[in-house]
Amino acid sequence: MYGCLGKAARVMDSLLETAHACVETHAKQALAVSFIPLVSAPIVYGVCAKMIKQLDEIFGIPTATGWDSEITHDIMAGIIAAPVLAIPLLGAGAASVFIKSIGMNYVNAVAEMLRTASEEERKDIAFISRRVKEELQKLHEEKRKKRRARG
């Protein structure tokens, strides 16, 4: 029994390592394209959508058409950064941080869902959508609490 758990942990560690590399790659892409003021915002959002799709492939989770609407809350948080993307040097840093934040939140939410889901549940698109959305909401709530506690 312990051997199976150890193997599962190694597999998850490997998935997380690959997912983190994916997030870093897309953050660098966002950094590169965001040096072009005014046109960078839609490109950065496209990089974000591409990253989410690749993360789903890395984790081997099925996704439905319109899956990205399930993570709209995360992407909508980026609207705050959109005006900053128009400022060449400041926008580059904001785009990279934006993509990294979205990516890491998504990775953490998917990883938690996978840790607690059964094999059968992992094949159910509706279950995955609901659970990942719930996990993202938990992450947002934790961040809100930390911000309130700071000031």
C-alpha atoms as a PDB file:
ATOM      1  CA  MET A   1       0.000   0.000   0.000  1.00  0.00           C
ATOM      2  CA  TYR A   2       2.743   2.451   0.939  1.00  0.00           C
ATOM      3  CA  GLY A   3       4.491   1.751  -2.370  1.00  0.00           C
ATOM      4  CA  CYS A   4       1.402   2.785  -4.329  1.00  0.00           C
ATOM      5  CA  LEU A   5       1.108   6.009  -2.380  1.00  0.00           C
ATOM      6  CA  GLY A   6       4.775   6.732  -2.948  1.00  0.00           C
ATOM      7  CA  LYS A   7       4.387   6.132  -6.676  1.00  0.00           C
ATOM      8  CA  ALA A   8       1.320   8.388  -6.802  1.00  0.00           C
ATOM      9  CA  ALA A   9       3.257  11.124  -4.994  1.00  0.00           C
ATOM     10  CA  ARG A  10       6.151  10.806  -7.449  1.00  0.00           C
ATOM     11  CA  VAL A  11       3.755  11.007 -10.393  1.00  0.00           C
ATOM     12  CA  MET A  12       2.098  14.109  -8.906  1.00  0.00           C
ATOM     13  CA  ASP A  13       5.512  15.699  -8.243  1.00  0.00           C
ATOM     14  CA  SER A  14       6.469  15.075 -11.867  1.00  0.00           C
ATOM     15  CA  LEU A  15       3.191  16.562 -13.122  1.00  0.00           C
ATOM     16  CA  LEU A  16       3.639  19.617 -10.908  1.00  0.00           C
ATOM     17  CA  GLU A  17       7.215  20.112 -12.108  1.00  0.00           C
ATOM     18  CA  THR A  18       6.070  19.978 -15.741  1.00  0.00           C
ATOM     19  CA  ALA A  19       3.117  22.284 -14.992  1.00  0.00           C
ATOM     20  CA  HIS A  20       5.346  24.840 -13.256  1.00  0.00           C
ATOM     21  CA  ALA A  21       7.697  24.812 -16.264  1.00  0.00           C
ATOM     22  CA  CYS A  22       4.676  25.402 -18.525  1.00  0.00           C
ATOM     23  CA  VAL A  23       3.595  28.381 -16.410  1.00  0.00           C
ATOM     24  CA  GLU A  24       7.129  29.827 -16.492  1.00  0.00           C
ATOM     25  CA  THR A  25       7.313  29.420 -20.281  1.00  0.00           C
ATOM     26  CA  HIS A  26       4.032  31.242 -20.772  1.00  0.00           C
ATOM     27  CA  ALA A  27       5.014  33.970 -18.302  1.00  0.00           C
ATOM     28  CA  LYS A  28       8.151  34.551 -20.406  1.00  0.00           C
ATOM     29  CA  GLN A  29       6.028  34.669 -23.571  1.00  0.00           C
ATOM     30  CA  ALA A  30       3.750  37.245 -21.941  1.00  0.00           C
ATOM     31  CA  LEU A  31       6.793  39.237 -20.909  1.00  0.00           C
ATOM     32  CA  ALA A  32       8.088  39.239 -24.494  1.00  0.00           C
ATOM     33  CA  VAL A  33       4.819  40.265 -26.182  1.00  0.00           C
ATOM     34  CA  SER A  34       3.871  42.853 -23.594  1.00  0.00           C
ATOM     35  CA  PHE A  35       6.627  45.205 -24.714  1.00  0.00           C
ATOM     36  CA  ILE A  36       4.247  46.225 -27.511  1.00  0.00           C
ATOM     37  CA  PRO A  37       1.911  48.750 -25.844  1.00  0.00           C
ATOM     38  CA  LEU A  38      -1.837  48.739 -26.530  1.00  0.00           C
ATOM     39  CA  VAL A  39      -1.884  45.472 -28.490  1.00  0.00           C
ATOM     40  CA  SER A  40      -0.404  43.357 -25.732  1.00  0.00           C
ATOM     41  CA  ALA A  41      -3.546  42.876 -23.595  1.00  0.00           C
ATOM     42  CA  PRO A  42      -5.412  40.612 -26.061  1.00  0.00           C
ATOM     43  CA  ILE A  43      -2.202  38.716 -26.801  1.00  0.00           C
ATOM     44  CA  VAL A  44      -1.545  38.189 -23.081  1.00  0.00           C
ATOM     45  CA  TYR A  45      -5.082  36.844 -22.625  1.00  0.00           C
ATOM     46  CA  GLY A  46      -4.441  34.501 -25.573  1.00  0.00           C
ATOM     47  CA  VAL A  47      -1.225  33.304 -23.929  1.00  0.00           C
ATOM     48  CA  CYS A  48      -3.260  32.656 -20.775  1.00  0.00           C
ATOM     49  CA  ALA A  49      -5.871  30.575 -22.630  1.00  0.00           C
ATOM     50  CA  LYS A  50      -3.135  28.592 -24.395  1.00  0.00           C
ATOM     51  CA  MET A  51      -1.421  27.959 -21.057  1.00  0.00           C
ATOM     52  CA  ILE A  52      -4.640  26.657 -19.456  1.00  0.00           C
ATOM     53  CA  LYS A  53      -5.155  24.276 -22.395  1.00  0.00           C
ATOM     54  CA  GLN A  54      -1.595  22.967 -22.081  1.00  0.00           C
ATOM     55  CA  LEU A  55      -1.945  22.549 -18.318  1.00  0.00           C
ATOM     56  CA  ASP A  56      -5.065  20.448 -18.887  1.00  0.00           C
ATOM     57  CA  GLU A  57      -3.056  18.281 -21.278  1.00  0.00           C
ATOM     58  CA  ILE A  58      -0.209  17.939 -18.766  1.00  0.00           C
ATOM     59  CA  PHE A  59      -2.589  16.818 -16.027  1.00  0.00           C
ATOM     60  CA  GLY A  60      -4.501  14.611 -18.469  1.00  0.00           C
ATOM     61  CA  ILE A  61      -7.870  16.020 -17.562  1.00  0.00           C
ATOM     62  CA  PRO A  62     -10.675  16.155 -20.111  1.00  0.00           C
ATOM     63  CA  THR A  63     -12.124  19.560 -20.807  1.00  0.00           C
ATOM     64  CA  ALA A  64     -15.344  20.631 -22.458  1.00  0.00           C
ATOM     65  CA  THR A  65     -15.951  23.314 -25.028  1.00  0.00           C
ATOM     66  CA  GLY A  66     -15.965  26.636 -23.211  1.00  0.00           C
ATOM     67  CA  TRP A  67     -13.860  25.261 -20.350  1.00  0.00           C
ATOM     68  CA  ASP A  68     -12.130  28.603 -19.985  1.00  0.00           C
ATOM     69  CA  SER A  69     -15.467  30.116 -18.946  1.00  0.00           C
ATOM     70  CA  GLU A  70     -15.095  27.990 -15.795  1.00  0.00           C
ATOM     71  CA  ILE A  71     -12.010  30.002 -14.886  1.00  0.00           C
ATOM     72  CA  THR A  72     -13.370  33.403 -15.917  1.00  0.00           C
ATOM     73  CA  HIS A  73     -13.031  34.654 -12.357  1.00  0.00           C
ATOM     74  CA  ASP A  74      -9.253  34.273 -12.542  1.00  0.00           C
ATOM     75  CA  ILE A  75      -8.993  35.799 -15.987  1.00  0.00           C
ATOM     76  CA  MET A  76     -11.326  38.665 -15.088  1.00  0.00           C
ATOM     77  CA  ALA A  77      -8.989  39.559 -12.244  1.00  0.00           C
ATOM     78  CA  GLY A  78      -6.512  40.409 -14.979  1.00  0.00           C
ATOM     79  CA  ILE A  79      -8.680  43.228 -16.267  1.00  0.00           C
ATOM     80  CA  ILE A  80      -7.219  45.268 -13.436  1.00  0.00           C
ATOM     81  CA  ALA A  81      -3.792  44.763 -15.023  1.00  0.00           C
ATOM     82  CA  ALA A  82      -4.983  45.628 -18.558  1.00  0.00           C
ATOM     83  CA  PRO A  83      -4.387  49.421 -18.313  1.00  0.00           C
ATOM     84  CA  VAL A  84      -0.904  48.744 -16.957  1.00  0.00           C
ATOM     85  CA  LEU A  85      -0.139  46.653 -20.065  1.00  0.00           C
ATOM     86  CA  ALA A  86      -0.210  49.877 -22.101  1.00  0.00           C
ATOM     87  CA  ILE A  87       2.919  51.146 -20.309  1.00  0.00           C
ATOM     88  CA  PRO A  88       5.904  49.510 -22.041  1.00  0.00           C
ATOM     89  CA  LEU A  89       8.246  48.498 -19.200  1.00  0.00           C
ATOM     90  CA  LEU A  90       5.698  48.351 -16.408  1.00  0.00           C
ATOM     91  CA  GLY A  91       3.307  46.398 -18.639  1.00  0.00           C
ATOM     92  CA  ALA A  92       5.890  43.718 -19.312  1.00  0.00           C
ATOM     93  CA  GLY A  93       6.299  42.957 -15.635  1.00  0.00           C
ATOM     94  CA  ALA A  94       2.549  43.066 -15.028  1.00  0.00           C
ATOM     95  CA  ALA A  95       1.861  40.647 -17.893  1.00  0.00           C
ATOM     96  CA  SER A  96       4.391  38.152 -16.607  1.00  0.00           C
ATOM     97  CA  VAL A  97       3.071  38.353 -13.035  1.00  0.00           C
ATOM     98  CA  PHE A  98      -0.509  38.092 -14.304  1.00  0.00           C
ATOM     99  CA  ILE A  99       0.192  34.901 -16.285  1.00  0.00           C
ATOM    100  CA  LYS A 100       2.203  33.407 -13.432  1.00  0.00           C
ATOM    101  CA  SER A 101      -0.551  34.132 -10.915  1.00  0.00           C
ATOM    102  CA  ILE A 102      -3.300  32.689 -13.114  1.00  0.00           C
ATOM    103  CA  GLY A 103      -1.164  29.653 -13.944  1.00  0.00           C
ATOM    104  CA  MET A 104      -0.106  28.844 -10.398  1.00  0.00           C
ATOM    105  CA  ASN A 105      -3.647  29.258  -9.057  1.00  0.00           C
ATOM    106  CA  TYR A 106      -4.899  26.936 -11.767  1.00  0.00           C
ATOM    107  CA  VAL A 107      -2.136  24.372 -11.143  1.00  0.00           C
ATOM    108  CA  ASN A 108      -2.876  24.371  -7.410  1.00  0.00           C
ATOM    109  CA  ALA A 109      -6.622  24.005  -7.987  1.00  0.00           C
ATOM    110  CA  VAL A 110      -6.230  21.129 -10.463  1.00  0.00           C
ATOM    111  CA  ALA A 111      -3.655  19.372  -8.270  1.00  0.00           C
ATOM    112  CA  GLU A 112      -5.957  19.531  -5.249  1.00  0.00           C
ATOM    113  CA  MET A 113      -8.866  18.217  -7.311  1.00  0.00           C
ATOM    114  CA  LEU A 114      -6.725  15.334  -8.583  1.00  0.00           C
ATOM    115  CA  ARG A 115      -5.479  14.489  -5.073  1.00  0.00           C
ATOM    116  CA  THR A 116      -9.016  14.045  -3.761  1.00  0.00           C
ATOM    117  CA  ALA A 117     -10.880  12.681  -6.813  1.00  0.00           C
ATOM    118  CA  SER A 118     -11.438   9.038  -7.606  1.00  0.00           C
ATOM    119  CA  GLU A 119     -10.305   7.579 -10.927  1.00  0.00           C
ATOM    120  CA  GLU A 120     -13.901   7.622 -12.179  1.00  0.00           C
ATOM    121  CA  GLU A 121     -14.435  11.242 -11.102  1.00  0.00           C
ATOM    122  CA  ARG A 122     -11.308  12.283 -13.017  1.00  0.00           C
ATOM    123  CA  LYS A 123     -13.034  11.226 -16.254  1.00  0.00           C
ATOM    124  CA  ASP A 124     -16.186  13.268 -15.577  1.00  0.00           C
ATOM    125  CA  ILE A 125     -15.955  16.684 -17.242  1.00  0.00           C
ATOM    126  CA  ALA A 126     -18.794  18.157 -15.170  1.00  0.00           C
ATOM    127  CA  PHE A 127     -17.168  16.967 -11.938  1.00  0.00           C
ATOM    128  CA  ILE A 128     -13.774  18.376 -12.950  1.00  0.00           C
ATOM    129  CA  SER A 129     -15.286  21.738 -13.903  1.00  0.00           C
ATOM    130  CA  ARG A 130     -17.170  22.027 -10.637  1.00  0.00           C
ATOM    131  CA  ARG A 131     -14.273  20.925  -8.417  1.00  0.00           C
ATOM    132  CA  VAL A 132     -11.626  23.093 -10.094  1.00  0.00           C
ATOM    133  CA  LYS A 133     -13.955  26.080  -9.861  1.00  0.00           C
ATOM    134  CA  GLU A 134     -14.513  25.335  -6.149  1.00  0.00           C
ATOM    135  CA  GLU A 135     -10.769  25.063  -5.561  1.00  0.00           C
ATOM    136  CA  LEU A 136     -10.132  28.359  -7.361  1.00  0.00           C
ATOM    137  CA  GLN A 137     -12.783  30.022  -5.204  1.00  0.00           C
ATOM    138  CA  LYS A 138     -11.076  28.666  -2.068  1.00  0.00           C
ATOM    139  CA  LEU A 139      -7.738  30.074  -3.240  1.00  0.00           C
ATOM    140  CA  HIS A 140      -9.303  33.487  -3.913  1.00  0.00           C
ATOM    141  CA  GLU A 141     -10.950  33.504  -0.505  1.00  0.00           C
ATOM    142  CA  GLU A 142      -7.648  32.651   1.205  1.00  0.00           C
ATOM    143  CA  LYS A 143      -5.959  35.534  -0.615  1.00  0.00           C
ATOM    144  CA  ARG A 144      -8.756  37.924   0.382  1.00  0.00           C
ATOM    145  CA  LYS A 145      -8.407  36.899   4.017  1.00  0.00           C
ATOM    146  CA  LYS A 146      -4.642  37.465   3.921  1.00  0.00           C
ATOM    147  CA  ARG A 147      -5.134  40.919   2.368  1.00  0.00           C
ATOM    148  CA  ARG A 148      -7.692  41.849   5.031  1.00  0.00           C
ATOM    149  CA  ALA A 149      -5.390  40.634   7.784  1.00  0.00           C
ATOM    150  CA  ARG A 150      -2.540  42.810   6.434  1.00  0.00           C
ATOM    151  CA  GLY A 151      -4.453  45.999   6.334  1.00  0.00           C
END
